[in-house]
Amino acid sequence: MTAGTSKQLTVTATILRPSDFDGATIVYAYIIDGAGVIQPNANISQTSATQFSATLFTAPTLALGSYNGNFTLKLCRDAACAAQFPGSPSALPYAFTVTKP
């Protein structure tokens, strides 16, 4: 992506053991970005019984260079995320480069 712009990223996560979610009426999904490379307005939706999709936008203020790391995906039983489902949290890797315009 070019410096000064924001790039849309879409990531998906699939639940491998649906039985871990039996009895759940709602799943609260959160993406944590410890490095500050995405804007805080991620749109997360459950697209099927076993799949989540998230639309993220990179921060337009990122300096030139390469960015590699992991976002953390948490699937929680409650809005405060006091209790998580088995397998949560999980890492979603990313790698991108910011270049001159």
N, C-alpha and C. Protein backbone atom coordinates (compact mmCIF):
# COMPACT_ATOMS: atom_id res chain seq x y z
N MET A 1 0.84 -1.17 0.00
CA MET A 1 0.00 0.00 0.00
C MET A 1 0.88 1.23 0.00
N THR A 2 0.31 2.37 -0.33
CA THR A 2 1.10 3.59 -0.37
C THR A 2 0.90 4.41 0.90
N ALA A 3 1.93 5.13 1.28
CA ALA A 3 1.91 5.95 2.49
C ALA A 3 0.77 6.96 2.42
N GLY A 4 0.16 7.23 3.54
CA GLY A 4 -0.91 8.21 3.62
C GLY A 4 -2.29 7.70 3.24
N THR A 5 -2.37 6.42 2.89
CA THR A 5 -3.66 5.84 2.52
C THR A 5 -4.01 4.71 3.49
N SER A 6 -5.26 4.32 3.44
CA SER A 6 -5.74 3.21 4.23
C SER A 6 -6.16 2.09 3.28
N LYS A 7 -5.76 0.89 3.58
CA LYS A 7 -6.07 -0.26 2.73
C LYS A 7 -7.07 -1.16 3.45
N GLN A 8 -8.07 -1.61 2.74
CA GLN A 8 -9.05 -2.54 3.31
C GLN A 8 -8.50 -3.95 3.27
N LEU A 9 -8.62 -4.65 4.39
CA LEU A 9 -8.21 -6.05 4.49
C LEU A 9 -9.41 -6.86 4.96
N THR A 10 -9.57 -8.04 4.42
CA THR A 10 -10.64 -8.93 4.87
C THR A 10 -10.01 -10.23 5.32
N VAL A 11 -10.36 -10.65 6.52
CA VAL A 11 -9.85 -11.91 7.07
C VAL A 11 -11.03 -12.77 7.48
N THR A 12 -10.83 -14.08 7.44
CA THR A 12 -11.86 -15.00 7.88
C THR A 12 -11.26 -15.98 8.88
N ALA A 13 -12.10 -16.43 9.77
CA ALA A 13 -11.70 -17.43 10.75
C ALA A 13 -12.79 -18.50 10.78
N THR A 14 -12.38 -19.75 10.78
CA THR A 14 -13.32 -20.86 10.78
C THR A 14 -13.21 -21.64 12.09
N ILE A 15 -14.35 -21.92 12.69
CA ILE A 15 -14.40 -22.72 13.91
C ILE A 15 -14.21 -24.17 13.52
N LEU A 16 -13.19 -24.80 14.07
CA LEU A 16 -12.87 -26.18 13.70
C LEU A 16 -13.64 -27.21 14.53
N ARG A 17 -14.07 -26.82 15.73
CA ARG A 17 -14.83 -27.74 16.58
C ARG A 17 -16.14 -27.08 16.98
N PRO A 18 -17.15 -27.11 16.11
CA PRO A 18 -18.43 -26.45 16.40
C PRO A 18 -19.07 -26.91 17.71
N SER A 19 -18.78 -28.13 18.14
CA SER A 19 -19.38 -28.63 19.39
C SER A 19 -18.94 -27.79 20.59
N ASP A 20 -17.80 -27.09 20.50
CA ASP A 20 -17.35 -26.22 21.58
C ASP A 20 -18.31 -25.04 21.79
N PHE A 21 -19.16 -24.78 20.80
CA PHE A 21 -20.07 -23.64 20.85
C PHE A 21 -21.52 -24.07 21.09
N ASP A 22 -21.75 -25.35 21.35
CA ASP A 22 -23.10 -25.84 21.62
C ASP A 22 -23.71 -25.07 22.78
N GLY A 23 -24.94 -24.66 22.62
CA GLY A 23 -25.65 -23.94 23.66
C GLY A 23 -25.40 -22.44 23.68
N ALA A 24 -24.47 -21.96 22.89
CA ALA A 24 -24.18 -20.53 22.85
C ALA A 24 -25.24 -19.82 22.01
N THR A 25 -25.83 -18.79 22.56
CA THR A 25 -26.82 -18.03 21.79
C THR A 25 -26.20 -16.86 21.05
N ILE A 26 -25.03 -16.44 21.51
CA ILE A 26 -24.30 -15.35 20.85
C ILE A 26 -22.81 -15.55 21.09
N VAL A 27 -22.03 -15.16 20.10
CA VAL A 27 -20.57 -15.19 20.21
C VAL A 27 -20.09 -13.76 20.01
N TYR A 28 -19.31 -13.27 20.95
CA TYR A 28 -18.72 -11.94 20.86
C TYR A 28 -17.32 -12.10 20.28
N ALA A 29 -17.07 -11.44 19.15
CA ALA A 29 -15.78 -11.56 18.48
C ALA A 29 -15.04 -10.23 18.54
N TYR A 30 -13.75 -10.30 18.89
CA TYR A 30 -12.92 -9.11 19.02
C TYR A 30 -11.58 -9.35 18.33
N ILE A 31 -11.08 -8.31 17.66
CA ILE A 31 -9.74 -8.35 17.08
C ILE A 31 -8.89 -7.34 17.83
N ILE A 32 -7.77 -7.82 18.36
CA ILE A 32 -6.85 -6.96 19.09
C ILE A 32 -5.61 -6.75 18.25
N ASP A 33 -5.22 -5.49 18.12
CA ASP A 33 -4.04 -5.11 17.34
C ASP A 33 -3.06 -4.42 18.26
N GLY A 34 -2.11 -5.15 18.78
CA GLY A 34 -1.14 -4.59 19.71
C GLY A 34 -0.13 -3.64 19.07
N ALA A 35 0.00 -3.69 17.75
CA ALA A 35 1.01 -2.86 17.07
C ALA A 35 0.44 -1.55 16.52
N GLY A 36 -0.87 -1.40 16.51
CA GLY A 36 -1.48 -0.17 16.00
C GLY A 36 -1.43 -0.01 14.50
N VAL A 37 -1.47 -1.11 13.76
CA VAL A 37 -1.41 -1.02 12.30
C VAL A 37 -2.79 -0.94 11.65
N ILE A 38 -3.85 -1.21 12.42
CA ILE A 38 -5.20 -1.09 11.85
C ILE A 38 -6.00 -0.06 12.64
N GLN A 39 -7.01 0.48 11.99
CA GLN A 39 -7.91 1.41 12.64
C GLN A 39 -8.85 0.63 13.57
N PRO A 40 -9.36 1.26 14.59
CA PRO A 40 -10.17 0.54 15.58
C PRO A 40 -11.59 0.22 15.13
N ASN A 41 -11.96 0.57 13.91
CA ASN A 41 -13.35 0.36 13.46
C ASN A 41 -13.55 -0.92 12.67
N ALA A 42 -12.99 -2.02 13.12
CA ALA A 42 -13.14 -3.30 12.42
C ALA A 42 -14.61 -3.71 12.43
N ASN A 43 -15.07 -4.25 11.31
CA ASN A 43 -16.43 -4.75 11.21
C ASN A 43 -16.35 -6.27 11.21
N ILE A 44 -16.83 -6.89 12.29
CA ILE A 44 -16.77 -8.35 12.43
C ILE A 44 -18.17 -8.91 12.36
N SER A 45 -18.34 -9.94 11.54
CA SER A 45 -19.66 -10.57 11.44
C SER A 45 -19.51 -12.08 11.39
N GLN A 46 -20.54 -12.75 11.86
CA GLN A 46 -20.58 -14.20 11.79
C GLN A 46 -21.30 -14.54 10.50
N THR A 47 -20.58 -15.12 9.54
CA THR A 47 -21.13 -15.36 8.21
C THR A 47 -21.81 -16.72 8.08
N SER A 48 -21.51 -17.61 9.00
CA SER A 48 -22.18 -18.92 9.05
C SER A 48 -22.03 -19.44 10.48
N ALA A 49 -22.55 -20.61 10.73
CA ALA A 49 -22.46 -21.17 12.08
C ALA A 49 -21.02 -21.41 12.50
N THR A 50 -20.12 -21.57 11.52
CA THR A 50 -18.73 -21.89 11.86
C THR A 50 -17.71 -20.90 11.31
N GLN A 51 -18.16 -19.77 10.78
CA GLN A 51 -17.20 -18.85 10.17
C GLN A 51 -17.48 -17.39 10.53
N PHE A 52 -16.39 -16.67 10.78
CA PHE A 52 -16.44 -15.23 11.04
C PHE A 52 -15.64 -14.52 9.96
N SER A 53 -16.07 -13.32 9.62
CA SER A 53 -15.37 -12.50 8.65
C SER A 53 -15.16 -11.12 9.28
N ALA A 54 -14.01 -10.54 9.02
CA ALA A 54 -13.71 -9.21 9.54
C ALA A 54 -13.15 -8.33 8.43
N THR A 55 -13.67 -7.12 8.35
CA THR A 55 -13.15 -6.12 7.43
C THR A 55 -12.38 -5.11 8.28
N LEU A 56 -11.11 -4.98 7.96
CA LEU A 56 -10.20 -4.11 8.70
C LEU A 56 -9.65 -3.05 7.75
N PHE A 57 -9.21 -1.94 8.31
CA PHE A 57 -8.60 -0.89 7.52
C PHE A 57 -7.27 -0.52 8.16
N THR A 58 -6.22 -0.48 7.36
CA THR A 58 -4.90 -0.12 7.88
C THR A 58 -4.90 1.35 8.29
N ALA A 59 -4.05 1.69 9.22
CA ALA A 59 -3.91 3.07 9.68
C ALA A 59 -3.21 3.88 8.59
N PRO A 60 -3.78 5.00 8.17
CA PRO A 60 -3.16 5.80 7.10
C PRO A 60 -1.90 6.53 7.56
N THR A 61 -1.60 6.50 8.83
CA THR A 61 -0.45 7.22 9.37
C THR A 61 0.80 6.35 9.48
N LEU A 62 0.76 5.12 8.97
CA LEU A 62 1.91 4.23 9.07
C LEU A 62 3.10 4.78 8.28
N ALA A 63 4.26 4.66 8.86
CA ALA A 63 5.50 5.08 8.20
C ALA A 63 5.88 4.09 7.10
N LEU A 64 6.76 4.51 6.22
CA LEU A 64 7.27 3.61 5.18
C LEU A 64 7.94 2.41 5.84
N GLY A 65 7.77 1.24 5.23
CA GLY A 65 8.44 0.05 5.75
C GLY A 65 7.55 -1.17 5.71
N SER A 66 8.10 -2.25 6.22
CA SER A 66 7.39 -3.55 6.25
C SER A 66 6.80 -3.78 7.63
N TYR A 67 5.63 -4.36 7.64
CA TYR A 67 4.92 -4.66 8.88
C TYR A 67 4.54 -6.14 8.88
N ASN A 68 4.98 -6.84 9.89
CA ASN A 68 4.69 -8.27 10.05
C ASN A 68 4.31 -8.52 11.50
N GLY A 69 3.35 -9.40 11.69
CA GLY A 69 2.94 -9.71 13.06
C GLY A 69 1.66 -10.51 13.07
N ASN A 70 0.95 -10.40 14.17
CA ASN A 70 -0.31 -11.12 14.34
C ASN A 70 -1.34 -10.23 15.00
N PHE A 71 -2.56 -10.30 14.51
CA PHE A 71 -3.70 -9.77 15.23
C PHE A 71 -4.16 -10.90 16.14
N THR A 72 -4.80 -10.57 17.23
CA THR A 72 -5.35 -11.58 18.12
C THR A 72 -6.86 -11.59 17.95
N LEU A 73 -7.41 -12.76 17.68
CA LEU A 73 -8.86 -12.94 17.57
C LEU A 73 -9.34 -13.61 18.84
N LYS A 74 -10.30 -12.95 19.51
CA LYS A 74 -10.90 -13.52 20.70
C LYS A 74 -12.38 -13.81 20.41
N LEU A 75 -12.82 -15.01 20.74
CA LEU A 75 -14.22 -15.39 20.65
C LEU A 75 -14.71 -15.62 22.07
N CYS A 76 -15.63 -14.76 22.49
CA CYS A 76 -16.00 -14.69 23.90
C CYS A 76 -17.46 -15.06 24.13
N ARG A 77 -17.73 -15.52 25.34
CA ARG A 77 -19.08 -15.89 25.75
C ARG A 77 -19.87 -14.67 26.23
N ASP A 78 -19.19 -13.57 26.56
CA ASP A 78 -19.85 -12.38 27.09
C ASP A 78 -19.17 -11.14 26.53
N ALA A 79 -19.87 -10.01 26.58
CA ALA A 79 -19.36 -8.77 26.00
C ALA A 79 -18.07 -8.30 26.65
N ALA A 80 -17.89 -8.59 27.94
CA ALA A 80 -16.67 -8.18 28.63
C ALA A 80 -15.50 -9.14 28.38
N CYS A 81 -15.77 -10.23 27.70
CA CYS A 81 -14.77 -11.25 27.37
C CYS A 81 -14.16 -11.87 28.63
N ALA A 82 -14.98 -12.00 29.66
CA ALA A 82 -14.53 -12.64 30.89
C ALA A 82 -14.37 -14.15 30.70
N ALA A 83 -15.11 -14.71 29.76
CA ALA A 83 -15.03 -16.14 29.46
C ALA A 83 -14.91 -16.32 27.95
N GLN A 84 -13.88 -17.06 27.53
CA GLN A 84 -13.67 -17.29 26.10
C GLN A 84 -14.01 -18.74 25.74
N PHE A 85 -14.30 -18.95 24.48
CA PHE A 85 -14.55 -20.29 23.98
C PHE A 85 -13.22 -21.03 23.83
N PRO A 86 -13.24 -22.35 23.86
CA PRO A 86 -12.01 -23.12 23.66
C PRO A 86 -11.34 -22.72 22.33
N GLY A 87 -10.03 -22.65 22.34
CA GLY A 87 -9.27 -22.27 21.15
C GLY A 87 -9.06 -20.77 21.02
N SER A 88 -9.70 -20.00 21.87
CA SER A 88 -9.54 -18.55 21.86
C SER A 88 -8.63 -18.15 23.02
N PRO A 89 -7.73 -17.22 22.78
CA PRO A 89 -7.51 -16.45 21.57
C PRO A 89 -6.71 -17.22 20.53
N SER A 90 -6.78 -16.72 19.30
CA SER A 90 -5.97 -17.30 18.23
C SER A 90 -5.29 -16.16 17.46
N ALA A 91 -4.23 -16.49 16.77
CA ALA A 91 -3.44 -15.49 16.05
C ALA A 91 -3.82 -15.46 14.57
N LEU A 92 -3.97 -14.25 14.05
CA LEU A 92 -4.20 -14.04 12.61
C LEU A 92 -2.99 -13.29 12.07
N PRO A 93 -2.12 -13.97 11.31
CA PRO A 93 -0.90 -13.31 10.83
C PRO A 93 -1.17 -12.27 9.74
N TYR A 94 -0.31 -11.27 9.70
CA TYR A 94 -0.38 -10.27 8.64
C TYR A 94 1.04 -9.91 8.19
N ALA A 95 1.14 -9.45 6.96
CA ALA A 95 2.41 -8.95 6.41
C ALA A 95 2.06 -8.00 5.27
N PHE A 96 2.53 -6.78 5.36
CA PHE A 96 2.34 -5.82 4.28
C PHE A 96 3.45 -4.78 4.32
N THR A 97 3.56 -4.04 3.22
CA THR A 97 4.60 -3.03 3.07
C THR A 97 3.97 -1.71 2.70
N VAL A 98 4.43 -0.65 3.33
CA VAL A 98 4.00 0.72 3.02
C VAL A 98 5.10 1.34 2.17
N THR A 99 4.72 1.84 0.99
CA THR A 99 5.68 2.41 0.05
C THR A 99 5.38 3.90 -0.18
N LYS A 100 6.31 4.57 -0.85
CA LYS A 100 6.11 5.98 -1.21
C LYS A 100 4.95 6.09 -2.18
N PRO A 101 4.21 7.22 -2.11
CA PRO A 101 3.11 7.43 -3.07
C PRO A 101 3.62 7.53 -4.50
